[in-house]
C-alpha atoms as a PDB file:
ATOM      1  CA  MET A   1      87.976  82.021  98.383  1.00  0.00           C
ATOM      2  CA  ARG A   2      88.042  78.341  97.406  1.00  0.00           C
ATOM      3  CA  VAL A   3      86.505  79.171  94.051  1.00  0.00           C
ATOM      4  CA  VAL A   4      89.317  81.624  93.282  1.00  0.00           C
ATOM      5  CA  LEU A   5      91.937  79.102  94.419  1.00  0.00           C
ATOM      6  CA  ALA A   6      90.386  76.358  92.290  1.00  0.00           C
ATOM      7  CA  MET A   7      90.314  78.657  89.284  1.00  0.00           C
ATOM      8  CA  VAL A   8      94.007  79.525  89.752  1.00  0.00           C
ATOM      9  CA  VAL A   9      94.984  75.856  90.118  1.00  0.00           C
ATOM     10  CA  VAL A  10      93.025  74.836  87.018  1.00  0.00           C
ATOM     11  CA  LEU A  11      94.494  77.741  85.059  1.00  0.00           C
ATOM     12  CA  VAL A  12      98.067  76.906  86.124  1.00  0.00           C
ATOM     13  CA  PHE A  13      97.618  73.245  85.208  1.00  0.00           C
ATOM     14  CA  SER A  14      96.149  74.136  81.830  1.00  0.00           C
ATOM     15  CA  LEU A  15      98.940  76.593  81.029  1.00  0.00           C
ATOM     16  CA  THR A  16     101.794  74.342  82.164  1.00  0.00           C
ATOM     17  CA  GLY A  17     100.451  71.241  80.442  1.00  0.00           C
ATOM     18  CA  GLY A  18     101.846  72.320  77.068  1.00  0.00           C
ATOM     19  CA  PRO A  19     100.058  73.133  73.843  1.00  0.00           C
ATOM     20  CA  GLY A  20      96.691  71.482  73.442  1.00  0.00           C
ATOM     21  CA  ALA A  21      96.450  70.639  77.131  1.00  0.00           C
ATOM     22  CA  VAL A  22      92.930  70.339  78.526  1.00  0.00           C
ATOM     23  CA  ALA A  23      92.219  71.812  81.953  1.00  0.00           C
ATOM     24  CA  ASP A  24      92.025  69.141  84.630  1.00  0.00           C
ATOM     25  CA  PRO A  25      88.433  69.168  85.872  1.00  0.00           C
ATOM     26  CA  GLY A  26      87.732  69.901  89.518  1.00  0.00           C
ATOM     27  CA  LEU A  27      84.566  70.414  91.543  1.00  0.00           C
ATOM     28  CA  VAL A  28      84.258  73.174  94.145  1.00  0.00           C
ATOM     29  CA  VAL A  29      81.115  73.528  96.261  1.00  0.00           C
ATOM     30  CA  GLY A  30      80.489  76.656  98.351  1.00  0.00           C
ATOM     31  CA  ASP A  31      83.163  78.324 100.432  1.00  0.00           C
ATOM     32  CA  GLY A  32      83.670  75.599 103.032  1.00  0.00           C
ATOM     33  CA  ALA A  33      81.093  76.938 105.498  1.00  0.00           C
ATOM     34  CA  ALA A  34      78.257  74.696 106.601  1.00  0.00           C
ATOM     35  CA  VAL A  35      75.015  75.207 104.653  1.00  0.00           C
ATOM     36  CA  ALA A  36      71.652  75.320 106.401  1.00  0.00           C
ATOM     37  CA  PRO A  37      68.896  72.922 105.326  1.00  0.00           C
ATOM     38  CA  GLY A  38      66.697  74.593 102.701  1.00  0.00           C
ATOM     39  CA  ALA A  39      69.471  76.969 101.582  1.00  0.00           C
ATOM     40  CA  THR A  40      71.302  77.202  98.267  1.00  0.00           C
ATOM     41  CA  VAL A  41      75.022  77.304  97.580  1.00  0.00           C
ATOM     42  CA  GLY A  42      77.071  77.928  94.460  1.00  0.00           C
ATOM     43  CA  ALA A  43      79.206  75.287  92.767  1.00  0.00           C
ATOM     44  CA  GLN A  44      81.878  75.521  90.080  1.00  0.00           C
ATOM     45  CA  MET A  45      83.489  72.846  87.967  1.00  0.00           C
ATOM     46  CA  GLY A  46      86.417  72.975  85.584  1.00  0.00           C
ATOM     47  CA  CYS A  47      85.036  71.140  82.562  1.00  0.00           C
ATOM     48  CA  GLU A  48      85.541  71.723  78.845  1.00  0.00           C
ATOM     49  CA  GLU A  49      83.467  68.691  77.879  1.00  0.00           C
ATOM     50  CA  PRO A  50      80.104  69.500  76.274  1.00  0.00           C
ATOM     51  CA  THR A  51      78.268  66.878  78.339  1.00  0.00           C
ATOM     52  CA  THR A  52      77.843  67.360  82.065  1.00  0.00           C
ATOM     53  CA  ALA A  53      75.468  66.003  84.691  1.00  0.00           C
ATOM     54  CA  PRO A  54      74.050  68.131  87.512  1.00  0.00           C
ATOM     55  CA  ALA A  55      75.583  67.714  90.937  1.00  0.00           C
ATOM     56  CA  THR A  56      73.681  65.468  93.329  1.00  0.00           C
ATOM     57  CA  GLY A  57      74.088  63.920  96.736  1.00  0.00           C
ATOM     58  CA  PRO A  58      71.946  62.770  99.661  1.00  0.00           C
ATOM     59  CA  GLY A  59      69.562  65.695 100.181  1.00  0.00           C
ATOM     60  CA  ILE A  60      71.287  67.782  97.481  1.00  0.00           C
ATOM     61  CA  THR A  61      70.004  68.706  94.015  1.00  0.00           C
ATOM     62  CA  GLY A  62      71.848  70.810  91.479  1.00  0.00           C
ATOM     63  CA  SER A  63      70.693  72.985  88.630  1.00  0.00           C
ATOM     64  CA  PRO A  64      72.117  72.335  85.149  1.00  0.00           C
ATOM     65  CA  TRP A  65      75.678  73.554  84.646  1.00  0.00           C
ATOM     66  CA  GLN A  66      75.986  76.913  82.892  1.00  0.00           C
ATOM     67  CA  ARG A  67      78.887  78.381  80.948  1.00  0.00           C
ATOM     68  CA  ASP A  68      79.616  82.110  80.951  1.00  0.00           C
ATOM     69  CA  PRO A  69      77.344  83.569  78.244  1.00  0.00           C
ATOM     70  CA  GLU A  70      80.118  85.962  77.193  1.00  0.00           C
ATOM     71  CA  GLY A  71      82.549  83.101  76.631  1.00  0.00           C
ATOM     72  CA  HIS A  72      84.953  84.003  79.437  1.00  0.00           C
ATOM     73  CA  GLN A  73      86.746  81.051  81.052  1.00  0.00           C
ATOM     74  CA  PRO A  74      85.325  78.448  78.644  1.00  0.00           C
ATOM     75  CA  TRP A  75      86.669  75.655  80.860  1.00  0.00           C
ATOM     76  CA  SER A  76      84.489  76.737  83.792  1.00  0.00           C
ATOM     77  CA  VAL A  77      80.832  75.905  84.454  1.00  0.00           C
ATOM     78  CA  THR A  78      78.691  77.036  87.392  1.00  0.00           C
ATOM     79  CA  SER A  79      75.587  75.715  89.097  1.00  0.00           C
ATOM     80  CA  THR A  80      73.398  76.289  92.134  1.00  0.00           C
ATOM     81  CA  LEU A  81      72.905  73.466  94.619  1.00  0.00           C
ATOM     82  CA  THR A  82      69.856  73.282  96.867  1.00  0.00           C
ATOM     83  CA  VAL A  83      69.981  71.538 100.231  1.00  0.00           C
ATOM     84  CA  ALA A  84      66.692  69.807 101.058  1.00  0.00           C
ATOM     85  CA  PRO A  85      64.844  71.239 104.093  1.00  0.00           C
ATOM     86  CA  ASP A  86      64.962  67.807 105.744  1.00  0.00           C
ATOM     87  CA  ALA A  87      68.627  67.057 104.877  1.00  0.00           C
ATOM     88  CA  ALA A  88      70.552  65.265 107.610  1.00  0.00           C
ATOM     89  CA  PRO A  89      73.283  67.366 109.253  1.00  0.00           C
ATOM     90  CA  GLY A  90      76.911  66.500 108.596  1.00  0.00           C
ATOM     91  CA  PRO A  91      79.205  65.996 105.613  1.00  0.00           C
ATOM     92  CA  VAL A  92      77.614  65.031 102.289  1.00  0.00           C
ATOM     93  CA  THR A  93      79.485  63.791  99.216  1.00  0.00           C
ATOM     94  CA  VAL A  94      78.361  65.731  96.155  1.00  0.00           C
ATOM     95  CA  THR A  95      78.988  64.124  92.750  1.00  0.00           C
ATOM     96  CA  ALA A  96      78.918  65.675  89.275  1.00  0.00           C
ATOM     97  CA  THR A  97      80.201  64.472  85.923  1.00  0.00           C
ATOM     98  CA  CYS A  98      82.321  66.144  83.301  1.00  0.00           C
ATOM     99  CA  GLY A  99      81.974  64.096  80.132  1.00  0.00           C
ATOM    100  CA  ASP A 100      82.247  60.568  81.517  1.00  0.00           C
ATOM    101  CA  ARG A 101      84.477  61.514  84.457  1.00  0.00           C
ATOM    102  CA  PRO A 102      82.811  61.661  87.910  1.00  0.00           C
ATOM    103  CA  LEU A 103      83.982  64.426  90.246  1.00  0.00           C
ATOM    104  CA  THR A 104      83.272  64.677  93.961  1.00  0.00           C
ATOM    105  CA  ALA A 105      83.367  67.342  96.654  1.00  0.00           C
ATOM    106  CA  THR A 106      82.173  67.498 100.248  1.00  0.00           C
ATOM    107  CA  LEU A 107      79.451  69.830 101.490  1.00  0.00           C
ATOM    108  CA  THR A 108      78.622  70.111 105.181  1.00  0.00           C
ATOM    109  CA  VAL A 109      74.951  70.450 106.069  1.00  0.00           C
ATOM    110  CA  ALA A 110      74.476  72.537 109.228  1.00  0.00           C
ATOM    111  CA  ASP A 111      72.538  71.212 112.183  1.00  0.00           C
ATOM    112  CA  ALA A 112      69.359  73.301 112.023  1.00  0.00           C
ATOM    113  CA  GLY A 113      68.539  72.752 115.704  1.00  0.00           C
ATOM    114  CA  SER A 114      71.916  73.745 117.162  1.00  0.00           C
ATOM    115  CA  GLY A 115      71.571  77.419 116.229  1.00  0.00           C
ATOM    116  CA  THR A 116      68.158  77.678 117.874  1.00  0.00           C
ATOM    117  CA  THR A 117      69.386  75.996 121.052  1.00  0.00           C
ATOM    118  CA  VAL A 118      72.369  78.319 121.331  1.00  0.00           C
ATOM    119  CA  ARG A 119      70.167  81.392 120.819  1.00  0.00           C
ATOM    120  CA  LEU A 120      67.780  80.203 123.532  1.00  0.00           C
ATOM    121  CA  LEU A 121      70.639  79.606 125.967  1.00  0.00           C
ATOM    122  CA  VAL A 122      72.195  83.015 125.288  1.00  0.00           C
ATOM    123  CA  GLY A 123      68.811  84.736 125.533  1.00  0.00           C
ATOM    124  CA  GLY A 124      68.090  82.976 128.841  1.00  0.00           C
ATOM    125  CA  ALA A 125      71.489  83.951 130.245  1.00  0.00           C
ATOM    126  CA  ILE A 126      70.948  87.600 129.293  1.00  0.00           C
ATOM    127  CA  LEU A 127      67.496  87.583 130.882  1.00  0.00           C
ATOM    128  CA  LEU A 128      68.946  86.074 134.081  1.00  0.00           C
ATOM    129  CA  VAL A 129      71.629  88.789 134.268  1.00  0.00           C
ATOM    130  CA  VAL A 130      69.034  91.564 133.779  1.00  0.00           C
ATOM    131  CA  VAL A 131      66.761  90.145 136.517  1.00  0.00           C
ATOM    132  CA  ALA A 132      69.716  89.763 138.916  1.00  0.00           C
ATOM    133  CA  ALA A 133      70.793  93.366 138.259  1.00  0.00           C
ATOM    134  CA  MET A 134      67.246  94.636 138.937  1.00  0.00           C
ATOM    135  CA  VAL A 135      67.067  92.703 142.232  1.00  0.00           C
ATOM    136  CA  LEU A 136      70.436  94.121 143.360  1.00  0.00           C
ATOM    137  CA  LEU A 137      69.360  97.673 142.477  1.00  0.00           C
ATOM    138  CA  GLN A 138      66.130  97.265 144.491  1.00  0.00           C
ATOM    139  CA  ARG A 139      68.100  96.044 147.508  1.00  0.00           C
ATOM    140  CA  ARG A 140      70.455  99.032 147.302  1.00  0.00           C
ATOM    141  CA  ARG A 141      67.509 101.457 147.107  1.00  0.00           C
ATOM    142  CA  ARG A 142      65.865  99.889 150.159  1.00  0.00           C
ATOM    143  CA  ALA A 143      69.146  99.924 152.107  1.00  0.00           C
ATOM    144  CA  ALA A 144      69.785 103.593 151.204  1.00  0.00           C
ATOM    145  CA  ALA A 145      66.207 104.619 152.107  1.00  0.00           C
ATOM    146  CA  GLY A 146      66.014 102.799 155.352  1.00  0.00           C
END
């Protein structure tokens, strides 16, 4: 959703800037959801300059920027960012360059341990409920039989 919004904003700015206006570059990383360590996420940048530098950040590496091979949206370049398996959880500032202009965006690295802990707690709670239900059923059977 953010990618579409960024594309609309860049397009509006480029169209309203008058003849010969260059699209204002912007950097969009992912869709705003936290990214797990070891995962990849897409990135898009509005950049008509021929020189770009891959996006980087603490625990983040980006592939080279690519333009659409069919020539659609010539102001837009895309890349894939990889979050290191040992990346620290929390917000990370990602930086890329369009020509000589640095652009930044924030990517949130998910806490890899929190998902496992939650699953263990939920699994334990379900197991406890099942055991309690079995004990209650046994008591009812004994009371009905005796």
